[in-house]
Amino acid sequence: MDEKNPLGVDHVLGMDETGGPLEPWIVRGAIEEVEKFLVGHSSKARVFEYGSGSGTPWLCERSKFVDSVEHNTSWGDRVASYLHKEGICNHRMLYAKLDERYYRAIEHFNYDLVLVDGRLRVRCIESAVNHVNPGGMLVLDNSERSYYQSGIDLLDSLGWIRKNYENSLWKTTIWRNHEG
């Protein structure tokens, strides 16, 4: 493994040209909003992410606990191995096939922050809405894609506060559960 690229991913996945820092692969303004949210929780937030990667260590450093669900065991093992090597122990990797076990993996607990950046995103949103704590946040990456519209409509119908972050390539949308 390359020390400048510990997860074996291209720099566009969240690392700059020098090989650091690892951070979520979402629009920059959304990263800043998530960081502000986590700082406001004094590193005590519980986080759930659909899909793991370069943002997982970043989330772990700023949260009490992070659960990630992965359908790709090879990739999940790679991320988990990196976290272990770095001494990051506030993370649990969940593995599930791309069926209801994947999008329903969230249903055992409630979370302060849910990041939807994996597969089956509309189904993930449908499962996640009842597991975002009052005052919590749900982040949908690539929200410009029309096939996520029914999930977006569901979140909008809840009356949660919505904010879009865009760059020249894609859009990340954050909803805040106003019941907090």
N, C-alpha and C. Protein backbone atom coordinates (compact mmCIF):
# COMPACT_ATOMS: atom_id res chain seq x y z
N MET A 1 0.83 -1.18 0.00
CA MET A 1 0.00 0.00 0.00
C MET A 1 0.88 1.25 0.00
N ASP A 2 0.49 2.24 -0.72
CA ASP A 2 1.20 3.50 -0.83
C ASP A 2 0.93 4.35 0.41
N GLU A 3 2.00 4.83 1.09
CA GLU A 3 1.82 5.64 2.30
C GLU A 3 1.07 6.93 2.03
N LYS A 4 1.24 7.51 0.85
CA LYS A 4 0.54 8.74 0.51
C LYS A 4 -0.91 8.47 0.14
N ASN A 5 -1.24 7.23 -0.08
CA ASN A 5 -2.58 6.86 -0.51
C ASN A 5 -2.96 5.57 0.22
N PRO A 6 -3.14 5.63 1.56
CA PRO A 6 -3.27 4.43 2.38
C PRO A 6 -4.44 3.52 2.05
N LEU A 7 -5.50 4.05 1.51
CA LEU A 7 -6.63 3.20 1.16
C LEU A 7 -6.56 2.72 -0.28
N GLY A 8 -5.53 3.15 -1.00
CA GLY A 8 -5.36 2.70 -2.37
C GLY A 8 -6.35 3.33 -3.33
N VAL A 9 -6.77 4.55 -3.05
CA VAL A 9 -7.72 5.23 -3.92
C VAL A 9 -7.05 6.46 -4.53
N ASP A 10 -7.55 6.90 -5.64
CA ASP A 10 -7.03 8.07 -6.32
C ASP A 10 -7.21 9.31 -5.45
N HIS A 11 -6.34 10.31 -5.61
CA HIS A 11 -6.41 11.52 -4.77
C HIS A 11 -7.75 12.23 -4.87
N VAL A 12 -8.48 12.03 -5.94
CA VAL A 12 -9.78 12.69 -6.09
C VAL A 12 -10.79 12.18 -5.05
N LEU A 13 -10.51 11.07 -4.41
CA LEU A 13 -11.42 10.52 -3.41
C LEU A 13 -11.24 11.13 -2.03
N GLY A 14 -10.63 12.28 -1.95
CA GLY A 14 -10.57 12.96 -0.66
C GLY A 14 -9.19 13.28 -0.17
N MET A 15 -8.15 12.98 -0.92
CA MET A 15 -6.81 13.32 -0.52
C MET A 15 -6.24 14.34 -1.49
N ASP A 16 -5.48 15.28 -0.94
CA ASP A 16 -4.86 16.24 -1.84
C ASP A 16 -3.61 15.64 -2.47
N GLU A 17 -2.89 16.45 -3.24
CA GLU A 17 -1.72 15.95 -3.96
C GLU A 17 -0.63 15.43 -3.04
N THR A 18 -0.62 15.88 -1.79
CA THR A 18 0.41 15.45 -0.85
C THR A 18 0.02 14.17 -0.12
N GLY A 19 -1.18 13.69 -0.35
CA GLY A 19 -1.60 12.45 0.29
C GLY A 19 -2.44 12.65 1.54
N GLY A 20 -2.85 13.81 1.86
CA GLY A 20 -3.65 14.01 3.05
C GLY A 20 -4.42 15.30 2.96
N PRO A 21 -5.35 15.59 3.77
CA PRO A 21 -5.94 14.69 4.75
C PRO A 21 -7.07 13.86 4.15
N LEU A 22 -7.36 12.76 4.80
CA LEU A 22 -8.53 11.98 4.42
C LEU A 22 -9.76 12.76 4.86
N GLU A 23 -10.76 12.82 4.02
CA GLU A 23 -12.01 13.48 4.36
C GLU A 23 -13.11 12.93 3.47
N PRO A 24 -14.36 13.21 3.82
CA PRO A 24 -15.45 12.69 2.99
C PRO A 24 -15.35 13.21 1.55
N TRP A 25 -15.75 12.38 0.63
CA TRP A 25 -15.75 12.75 -0.78
C TRP A 25 -17.12 13.33 -1.12
N ILE A 26 -17.39 14.50 -0.55
CA ILE A 26 -18.62 15.24 -0.81
C ILE A 26 -18.21 16.68 -1.11
N VAL A 27 -19.14 17.50 -1.52
CA VAL A 27 -18.84 18.89 -1.87
C VAL A 27 -18.25 19.63 -0.66
N ARG A 28 -17.24 20.45 -0.89
CA ARG A 28 -16.49 21.15 0.17
C ARG A 28 -17.40 21.87 1.18
N GLY A 29 -18.36 22.62 0.73
CA GLY A 29 -19.25 23.33 1.66
C GLY A 29 -20.00 22.37 2.58
N ALA A 30 -20.35 21.21 2.07
CA ALA A 30 -21.03 20.20 2.89
C ALA A 30 -20.08 19.63 3.94
N ILE A 31 -18.82 19.43 3.57
CA ILE A 31 -17.83 18.96 4.55
C ILE A 31 -17.74 19.96 5.70
N GLU A 32 -17.68 21.23 5.37
CA GLU A 32 -17.59 22.26 6.41
C GLU A 32 -18.83 22.28 7.29
N GLU A 33 -20.00 22.09 6.70
CA GLU A 33 -21.25 22.06 7.48
C GLU A 33 -21.30 20.84 8.40
N VAL A 34 -20.87 19.69 7.90
CA VAL A 34 -20.83 18.47 8.73
C VAL A 34 -19.84 18.65 9.87
N GLU A 35 -18.68 19.22 9.57
CA GLU A 35 -17.68 19.43 10.63
C GLU A 35 -18.22 20.36 11.71
N LYS A 36 -18.87 21.43 11.31
CA LYS A 36 -19.47 22.37 12.27
C LYS A 36 -20.52 21.64 13.14
N PHE A 37 -21.32 20.80 12.51
CA PHE A 37 -22.33 20.02 13.23
C PHE A 37 -21.67 19.10 14.26
N LEU A 38 -20.62 18.39 13.84
CA LEU A 38 -19.95 17.45 14.74
C LEU A 38 -19.25 18.18 15.88
N VAL A 39 -18.62 19.31 15.59
CA VAL A 39 -17.99 20.12 16.64
C VAL A 39 -19.05 20.57 17.66
N GLY A 40 -20.22 20.93 17.16
CA GLY A 40 -21.33 21.33 18.03
C GLY A 40 -21.81 20.21 18.95
N HIS A 41 -21.52 18.98 18.56
CA HIS A 41 -21.87 17.83 19.40
C HIS A 41 -20.70 17.39 20.28
N SER A 42 -19.65 18.19 20.33
CA SER A 42 -18.48 17.92 21.18
C SER A 42 -17.94 16.51 20.99
N SER A 43 -17.87 16.07 19.76
CA SER A 43 -17.34 14.74 19.41
C SER A 43 -18.13 13.60 20.05
N LYS A 44 -19.40 13.84 20.38
CA LYS A 44 -20.23 12.80 20.99
C LYS A 44 -21.29 12.28 20.04
N ALA A 45 -21.22 12.67 18.79
CA ALA A 45 -22.24 12.25 17.82
C ALA A 45 -22.08 10.78 17.44
N ARG A 46 -23.22 10.15 17.23
CA ARG A 46 -23.27 8.79 16.67
C ARG A 46 -23.55 8.95 15.18
N VAL A 47 -22.73 8.31 14.36
CA VAL A 47 -22.79 8.47 12.91
C VAL A 47 -23.05 7.13 12.25
N PHE A 48 -23.86 7.17 11.19
CA PHE A 48 -24.08 5.99 10.34
C PHE A 48 -23.77 6.41 8.92
N GLU A 49 -22.98 5.59 8.23
CA GLU A 49 -22.70 5.88 6.83
C GLU A 49 -23.00 4.67 5.96
N TYR A 50 -23.74 4.94 4.89
CA TYR A 50 -23.96 3.95 3.84
C TYR A 50 -22.81 4.12 2.86
N GLY A 51 -21.89 3.17 2.88
CA GLY A 51 -20.69 3.25 2.06
C GLY A 51 -19.55 3.84 2.88
N SER A 52 -18.42 3.16 2.91
CA SER A 52 -17.26 3.65 3.66
C SER A 52 -16.16 4.05 2.69
N GLY A 53 -15.15 4.72 3.22
CA GLY A 53 -14.03 5.13 2.36
C GLY A 53 -13.18 6.19 3.01
N SER A 54 -12.73 7.14 2.23
CA SER A 54 -11.80 8.15 2.73
C SER A 54 -12.43 9.03 3.82
N GLY A 55 -13.74 9.12 3.85
CA GLY A 55 -14.39 9.92 4.88
C GLY A 55 -14.54 9.20 6.20
N THR A 56 -14.40 7.89 6.22
CA THR A 56 -14.62 7.13 7.44
C THR A 56 -13.64 7.51 8.55
N PRO A 57 -12.32 7.56 8.29
CA PRO A 57 -11.41 7.99 9.37
C PRO A 57 -11.70 9.42 9.84
N TRP A 58 -12.05 10.28 8.91
CA TRP A 58 -12.38 11.67 9.23
C TRP A 58 -13.57 11.72 10.17
N LEU A 59 -14.62 10.96 9.86
CA LEU A 59 -15.80 10.91 10.72
C LEU A 59 -15.46 10.34 12.09
N CYS A 60 -14.66 9.28 12.13
CA CYS A 60 -14.27 8.66 13.40
C CYS A 60 -13.53 9.63 14.30
N GLU A 61 -12.68 10.46 13.72
CA GLU A 61 -11.91 11.43 14.51
C GLU A 61 -12.80 12.50 15.13
N ARG A 62 -13.99 12.70 14.60
CA ARG A 62 -14.86 13.79 15.04
C ARG A 62 -16.14 13.30 15.72
N SER A 63 -16.25 12.00 15.95
CA SER A 63 -17.50 11.43 16.46
C SER A 63 -17.23 10.46 17.60
N LYS A 64 -18.28 10.18 18.35
CA LYS A 64 -18.17 9.18 19.41
C LYS A 64 -18.08 7.78 18.81
N PHE A 65 -18.91 7.54 17.77
CA PHE A 65 -18.96 6.20 17.19
C PHE A 65 -19.46 6.30 15.76
N VAL A 66 -18.93 5.47 14.88
CA VAL A 66 -19.34 5.42 13.48
C VAL A 66 -19.66 3.98 13.10
N ASP A 67 -20.85 3.76 12.58
CA ASP A 67 -21.22 2.49 11.96
C ASP A 67 -21.23 2.70 10.46
N SER A 68 -20.61 1.79 9.72
CA SER A 68 -20.63 1.84 8.25
C SER A 68 -21.19 0.54 7.74
N VAL A 69 -21.99 0.60 6.68
CA VAL A 69 -22.45 -0.62 6.04
C VAL A 69 -21.84 -0.67 4.65
N GLU A 70 -21.33 -1.84 4.31
CA GLU A 70 -20.67 -2.07 3.02
C GLU A 70 -21.23 -3.33 2.38
N HIS A 71 -21.43 -3.28 1.08
CA HIS A 71 -21.81 -4.48 0.33
C HIS A 71 -20.58 -5.17 -0.24
N ASN A 72 -19.50 -4.43 -0.39
CA ASN A 72 -18.26 -4.95 -0.98
C ASN A 72 -17.32 -5.33 0.16
N THR A 73 -17.24 -6.62 0.46
CA THR A 73 -16.44 -7.05 1.61
C THR A 73 -14.96 -6.76 1.43
N SER A 74 -14.47 -6.86 0.23
CA SER A 74 -13.06 -6.57 -0.02
C SER A 74 -12.75 -5.12 0.33
N TRP A 75 -13.58 -4.20 -0.14
CA TRP A 75 -13.38 -2.78 0.17
C TRP A 75 -13.58 -2.52 1.66
N GLY A 76 -14.63 -3.08 2.24
CA GLY A 76 -14.88 -2.89 3.67
C GLY A 76 -13.72 -3.38 4.52
N ASP A 77 -13.16 -4.54 4.16
CA ASP A 77 -12.00 -5.06 4.88
C ASP A 77 -10.80 -4.13 4.76
N ARG A 78 -10.64 -3.54 3.59
CA ARG A 78 -9.53 -2.61 3.37
C ARG A 78 -9.67 -1.37 4.25
N VAL A 79 -10.86 -0.82 4.31
CA VAL A 79 -11.11 0.35 5.15
C VAL A 79 -10.93 -0.02 6.62
N ALA A 80 -11.52 -1.14 7.05
CA ALA A 80 -11.42 -1.57 8.45
C ALA A 80 -9.97 -1.83 8.84
N SER A 81 -9.20 -2.42 7.95
CA SER A 81 -7.78 -2.68 8.21
C SER A 81 -7.01 -1.37 8.40
N TYR A 82 -7.30 -0.40 7.56
CA TYR A 82 -6.65 0.91 7.69
C TYR A 82 -6.99 1.54 9.04
N LEU A 83 -8.26 1.50 9.42
CA LEU A 83 -8.68 2.08 10.70
C LEU A 83 -7.98 1.40 11.86
N HIS A 84 -7.89 0.07 11.80
CA HIS A 84 -7.22 -0.70 12.85
C HIS A 84 -5.75 -0.30 12.94
N LYS A 85 -5.10 -0.23 11.78
CA LYS A 85 -3.68 0.13 11.72
C LYS A 85 -3.44 1.51 12.32
N GLU A 86 -4.38 2.41 12.13
CA GLU A 86 -4.26 3.78 12.66
C GLU A 86 -4.72 3.89 14.11
N GLY A 87 -5.15 2.79 14.71
CA GLY A 87 -5.58 2.81 16.09
C GLY A 87 -6.95 3.43 16.30
N ILE A 88 -7.74 3.47 15.24
CA ILE A 88 -9.09 4.03 15.32
C ILE A 88 -10.04 2.90 15.71
N CYS A 89 -10.61 2.99 16.92
CA CYS A 89 -11.40 1.86 17.41
C CYS A 89 -12.86 2.21 17.69
N ASN A 90 -13.31 3.38 17.28
CA ASN A 90 -14.71 3.77 17.50
C ASN A 90 -15.53 3.54 16.24
N HIS A 91 -15.24 2.47 15.55
CA HIS A 91 -15.89 2.17 14.27
C HIS A 91 -16.32 0.71 14.24
N ARG A 92 -17.47 0.50 13.61
CA ARG A 92 -17.93 -0.88 13.37
C ARG A 92 -18.32 -0.99 11.90
N MET A 93 -17.74 -1.98 11.23
CA MET A 93 -18.05 -2.24 9.82
C MET A 93 -19.12 -3.32 9.77
N LEU A 94 -20.22 -3.01 9.12
CA LEU A 94 -21.31 -3.96 8.91
C LEU A 94 -21.28 -4.38 7.44
N TYR A 95 -21.51 -5.64 7.18
CA TYR A 95 -21.52 -6.14 5.81
C TYR A 95 -22.92 -6.65 5.48
N ALA A 96 -23.39 -6.32 4.30
CA ALA A 96 -24.72 -6.78 3.88
C ALA A 96 -24.78 -6.86 2.37
N LYS A 97 -25.51 -7.83 1.89
CA LYS A 97 -25.76 -7.92 0.45
C LYS A 97 -26.63 -6.75 0.03
N LEU A 98 -26.64 -6.47 -1.26
CA LEU A 98 -27.44 -5.35 -1.77
C LEU A 98 -28.91 -5.74 -1.85
N ASP A 99 -29.51 -5.82 -0.69
CA ASP A 99 -30.94 -6.09 -0.58
C ASP A 99 -31.41 -5.37 0.68
N GLU A 100 -32.54 -5.77 1.21
CA GLU A 100 -33.07 -5.04 2.37
C GLU A 100 -32.14 -5.07 3.58
N ARG A 101 -31.27 -6.07 3.68
CA ARG A 101 -30.32 -6.09 4.79
C ARG A 101 -29.37 -4.90 4.73
N TYR A 102 -29.07 -4.44 3.52
CA TYR A 102 -28.18 -3.28 3.35
C TYR A 102 -28.86 -2.00 3.84
N TYR A 103 -30.00 -1.67 3.25
CA TYR A 103 -30.61 -0.39 3.60
C TYR A 103 -31.27 -0.41 4.97
N ARG A 104 -31.56 -1.60 5.51
CA ARG A 104 -32.15 -1.68 6.84
C ARG A 104 -31.11 -1.86 7.94
N ALA A 105 -29.84 -1.85 7.60
CA ALA A 105 -28.77 -2.01 8.60
C ALA A 105 -28.81 -0.92 9.66
N ILE A 106 -29.38 0.20 9.35
CA ILE A 106 -29.47 1.34 10.27
C ILE A 106 -30.51 1.14 11.36
N GLU A 107 -31.40 0.20 11.20
CA GLU A 107 -32.61 0.13 12.02
C GLU A 107 -32.43 -0.33 13.46
N HIS A 108 -31.21 -0.59 13.90
CA HIS A 108 -31.00 -1.03 15.28
C HIS A 108 -30.79 0.12 16.26
N PHE A 109 -30.40 1.29 15.74
CA PHE A 109 -30.10 2.43 16.59
C PHE A 109 -30.57 3.72 15.92
N ASN A 110 -30.53 4.81 16.67
CA ASN A 110 -30.74 6.15 16.13
C ASN A 110 -29.39 6.86 16.08
N TYR A 111 -29.27 7.82 15.16
CA TYR A 111 -28.00 8.48 14.91
C TYR A 111 -28.18 9.98 14.83
N ASP A 112 -27.10 10.70 15.12
CA ASP A 112 -27.10 12.15 14.99
C ASP A 112 -26.81 12.57 13.55
N LEU A 113 -26.02 11.78 12.85
CA LEU A 113 -25.63 12.08 11.48
C LEU A 113 -25.73 10.81 10.66
N VAL A 114 -26.40 10.90 9.52
CA VAL A 114 -26.47 9.78 8.57
C VAL A 114 -25.95 10.29 7.23
N LEU A 115 -24.95 9.60 6.70
CA LEU A 115 -24.37 9.94 5.40
C LEU A 115 -24.78 8.87 4.40
N VAL A 116 -25.50 9.27 3.37
CA VAL A 116 -25.98 8.34 2.33
C VAL A 116 -25.12 8.56 1.09
N ASP A 117 -24.14 7.66 0.92
CA ASP A 117 -23.19 7.79 -0.17
C ASP A 117 -22.79 6.40 -0.69
N GLY A 118 -23.69 5.45 -0.53
CA GLY A 118 -23.44 4.09 -1.00
C GLY A 118 -24.43 3.71 -2.09
N ARG A 119 -24.84 2.49 -2.09
CA ARG A 119 -25.80 1.98 -3.07
C ARG A 119 -27.22 2.10 -2.54
N LEU A 120 -28.20 1.85 -3.42
CA LEU A 120 -29.63 1.83 -3.06
C LEU A 120 -30.03 3.06 -2.24
N ARG A 121 -29.63 4.22 -2.69
CA ARG A 121 -29.76 5.43 -1.87
C ARG A 121 -31.20 5.80 -1.53
N VAL A 122 -32.13 5.62 -2.44
CA VAL A 122 -33.52 5.95 -2.10
C VAL A 122 -34.02 5.04 -0.99
N ARG A 123 -33.74 3.76 -1.09
CA ARG A 123 -34.14 2.82 -0.03
C ARG A 123 -33.44 3.17 1.28
N CYS A 124 -32.18 3.57 1.20
CA CYS A 124 -31.45 3.96 2.41
C CYS A 124 -32.11 5.16 3.07
N ILE A 125 -32.50 6.14 2.28
CA ILE A 125 -33.19 7.32 2.82
C ILE A 125 -34.49 6.89 3.49
N GLU A 126 -35.26 6.04 2.83
CA GLU A 126 -36.53 5.58 3.39
C GLU A 126 -36.33 4.89 4.73
N SER A 127 -35.27 4.12 4.87
CA SER A 127 -34.98 3.44 6.14
C SER A 127 -34.42 4.40 7.18
N ALA A 128 -33.63 5.36 6.73
CA ALA A 128 -32.92 6.24 7.66
C ALA A 128 -33.79 7.29 8.32
N VAL A 129 -34.85 7.75 7.66
CA VAL A 129 -35.61 8.90 8.18
C VAL A 129 -36.12 8.68 9.60
N ASN A 130 -36.42 7.47 9.96
CA ASN A 130 -36.91 7.19 11.31
C ASN A 130 -35.79 6.94 12.32
N HIS A 131 -34.55 7.09 11.87
CA HIS A 131 -33.41 6.81 12.75
C HIS A 131 -32.44 7.98 12.85
N VAL A 132 -32.90 9.16 12.42
CA VAL A 132 -32.13 10.39 12.59
C VAL A 132 -32.67 11.08 13.83
N ASN A 133 -31.81 11.29 14.80
CA ASN A 133 -32.24 11.92 16.06
C ASN A 133 -32.81 13.31 15.82
N PRO A 134 -33.72 13.76 16.70
CA PRO A 134 -34.19 15.14 16.62
C PRO A 134 -32.99 16.09 16.63
N GLY A 135 -32.99 17.04 15.72
CA GLY A 135 -31.86 17.95 15.58
C GLY A 135 -30.73 17.37 14.75
N GLY A 136 -30.90 16.12 14.31
CA GLY A 136 -29.86 15.44 13.55
C GLY A 136 -29.80 15.85 12.09
N MET A 137 -28.89 15.22 11.37
CA MET A 137 -28.57 15.61 10.01
C MET A 137 -28.52 14.37 9.12
N LEU A 138 -29.08 14.49 7.91
CA LEU A 138 -28.95 13.46 6.89
C LEU A 138 -28.29 14.11 5.67
N VAL A 139 -27.24 13.47 5.17
CA VAL A 139 -26.47 13.98 4.04
C VAL A 139 -26.64 13.02 2.87
N LEU A 140 -27.05 13.55 1.72
CA LEU A 140 -27.16 12.77 0.49
C LEU A 140 -26.17 13.32 -0.52
N ASP A 141 -25.21 12.49 -0.90
CA ASP A 141 -24.26 12.92 -1.92
C ASP A 141 -24.81 12.58 -3.31
N ASN A 142 -24.36 13.33 -4.30
CA ASN A 142 -24.80 13.18 -5.69
C ASN A 142 -26.30 13.42 -5.82
N SER A 143 -26.80 14.38 -5.09
CA SER A 143 -28.24 14.64 -5.08
C SER A 143 -28.74 15.27 -6.37
N GLU A 144 -27.86 15.56 -7.30
CA GLU A 144 -28.28 16.06 -8.61
C GLU A 144 -28.84 14.95 -9.50
N ARG A 145 -28.62 13.71 -9.13
CA ARG A 145 -29.07 12.58 -9.95
C ARG A 145 -30.59 12.41 -9.84
N SER A 146 -31.24 12.42 -10.98
CA SER A 146 -32.71 12.39 -11.01
C SER A 146 -33.29 11.12 -10.39
N TYR A 147 -32.55 10.03 -10.43
CA TYR A 147 -33.11 8.79 -9.88
C TYR A 147 -33.13 8.75 -8.36
N TYR A 148 -32.64 9.80 -7.69
CA TYR A 148 -32.78 9.91 -6.24
C TYR A 148 -33.96 10.81 -5.86
N GLN A 149 -34.71 11.29 -6.85
CA GLN A 149 -35.74 12.29 -6.60
C GLN A 149 -36.81 11.83 -5.61
N SER A 150 -37.21 10.57 -5.66
CA SER A 150 -38.25 10.13 -4.71
C SER A 150 -37.75 10.18 -3.27
N GLY A 151 -36.47 9.92 -3.05
CA GLY A 151 -35.90 10.06 -1.71
C GLY A 151 -35.82 11.51 -1.28
N ILE A 152 -35.46 12.38 -2.22
CA ILE A 152 -35.41 13.82 -1.96
C ILE A 152 -36.81 14.33 -1.62
N ASP A 153 -37.80 13.89 -2.40
CA ASP A 153 -39.19 14.30 -2.14
C ASP A 153 -39.65 13.86 -0.76
N LEU A 154 -39.28 12.65 -0.35
CA LEU A 154 -39.64 12.16 0.97
C LEU A 154 -39.06 13.06 2.05
N LEU A 155 -37.78 13.36 1.96
CA LEU A 155 -37.15 14.22 2.96
C LEU A 155 -37.77 15.61 2.97
N ASP A 156 -38.04 16.15 1.79
CA ASP A 156 -38.67 17.47 1.72
C ASP A 156 -40.07 17.46 2.34
N SER A 157 -40.79 16.35 2.18
CA SER A 157 -42.15 16.25 2.72
C SER A 157 -42.17 16.26 4.25
N LEU A 158 -41.05 15.93 4.87
CA LEU A 158 -40.96 15.92 6.33
C LEU A 158 -40.80 17.33 6.91
N GLY A 159 -40.51 18.27 6.04
CA GLY A 159 -40.33 19.64 6.50
C GLY A 159 -38.97 19.90 7.12
N TRP A 160 -38.04 18.97 6.94
CA TRP A 160 -36.70 19.18 7.46
C TRP A 160 -36.04 20.33 6.71
N ILE A 161 -35.13 21.01 7.37
CA ILE A 161 -34.40 22.14 6.76
C ILE A 161 -33.40 21.58 5.75
N ARG A 162 -33.47 22.11 4.53
CA ARG A 162 -32.65 21.59 3.42
C ARG A 162 -31.65 22.64 2.96
N LYS A 163 -30.42 22.18 2.70
CA LYS A 163 -29.40 23.07 2.15
C LYS A 163 -28.59 22.30 1.11
N ASN A 164 -28.43 22.92 -0.07
CA ASN A 164 -27.68 22.31 -1.17
C ASN A 164 -26.28 22.91 -1.25
N TYR A 165 -25.32 22.05 -1.56
CA TYR A 165 -23.94 22.46 -1.78
C TYR A 165 -23.53 21.91 -3.14
N GLU A 166 -23.02 22.79 -4.00
CA GLU A 166 -22.68 22.37 -5.35
C GLU A 166 -21.27 22.82 -5.73
N ASN A 167 -20.66 22.04 -6.60
CA ASN A 167 -19.45 22.47 -7.28
C ASN A 167 -19.67 22.21 -8.77
N SER A 168 -18.64 22.27 -9.56
CA SER A 168 -18.82 22.10 -11.00
C SER A 168 -19.09 20.66 -11.41
N LEU A 169 -18.95 19.71 -10.48
CA LEU A 169 -19.12 18.29 -10.80
C LEU A 169 -20.39 17.67 -10.24
N TRP A 170 -20.73 18.00 -9.01
CA TRP A 170 -21.89 17.36 -8.40
C TRP A 170 -22.46 18.19 -7.26
N LYS A 171 -23.51 17.64 -6.65
CA LYS A 171 -24.23 18.33 -5.57
C LYS A 171 -24.37 17.40 -4.37
N THR A 172 -24.21 17.97 -3.20
CA THR A 172 -24.47 17.28 -1.93
C THR A 172 -25.56 18.07 -1.22
N THR A 173 -26.57 17.37 -0.71
CA THR A 173 -27.66 18.04 -0.01
C THR A 173 -27.71 17.55 1.43
N ILE A 174 -27.93 18.49 2.34
CA ILE A 174 -28.03 18.19 3.77
C ILE A 174 -29.42 18.59 4.26
N TRP A 175 -30.04 17.68 4.99
CA TRP A 175 -31.32 17.97 5.66
C TRP A 175 -31.08 17.92 7.16
N ARG A 176 -31.68 18.86 7.89
CA ARG A 176 -31.64 18.85 9.35
C ARG A 176 -33.03 18.52 9.87
N ASN A 177 -33.10 17.53 10.74
CA ASN A 177 -34.35 17.17 11.39
C ASN A 177 -34.71 18.29 12.35
N HIS A 178 -35.72 19.06 12.00
CA HIS A 178 -36.08 20.25 12.77
C HIS A 178 -36.61 19.95 14.16
N GLU A 179 -36.90 18.70 14.45
CA GLU A 179 -37.48 18.33 15.75
C GLU A 179 -36.39 18.25 16.80
N GLY A 180 -35.70 19.32 17.03
CA GLY A 180 -34.62 19.26 18.00
C GLY A 180 -34.34 20.56 18.66
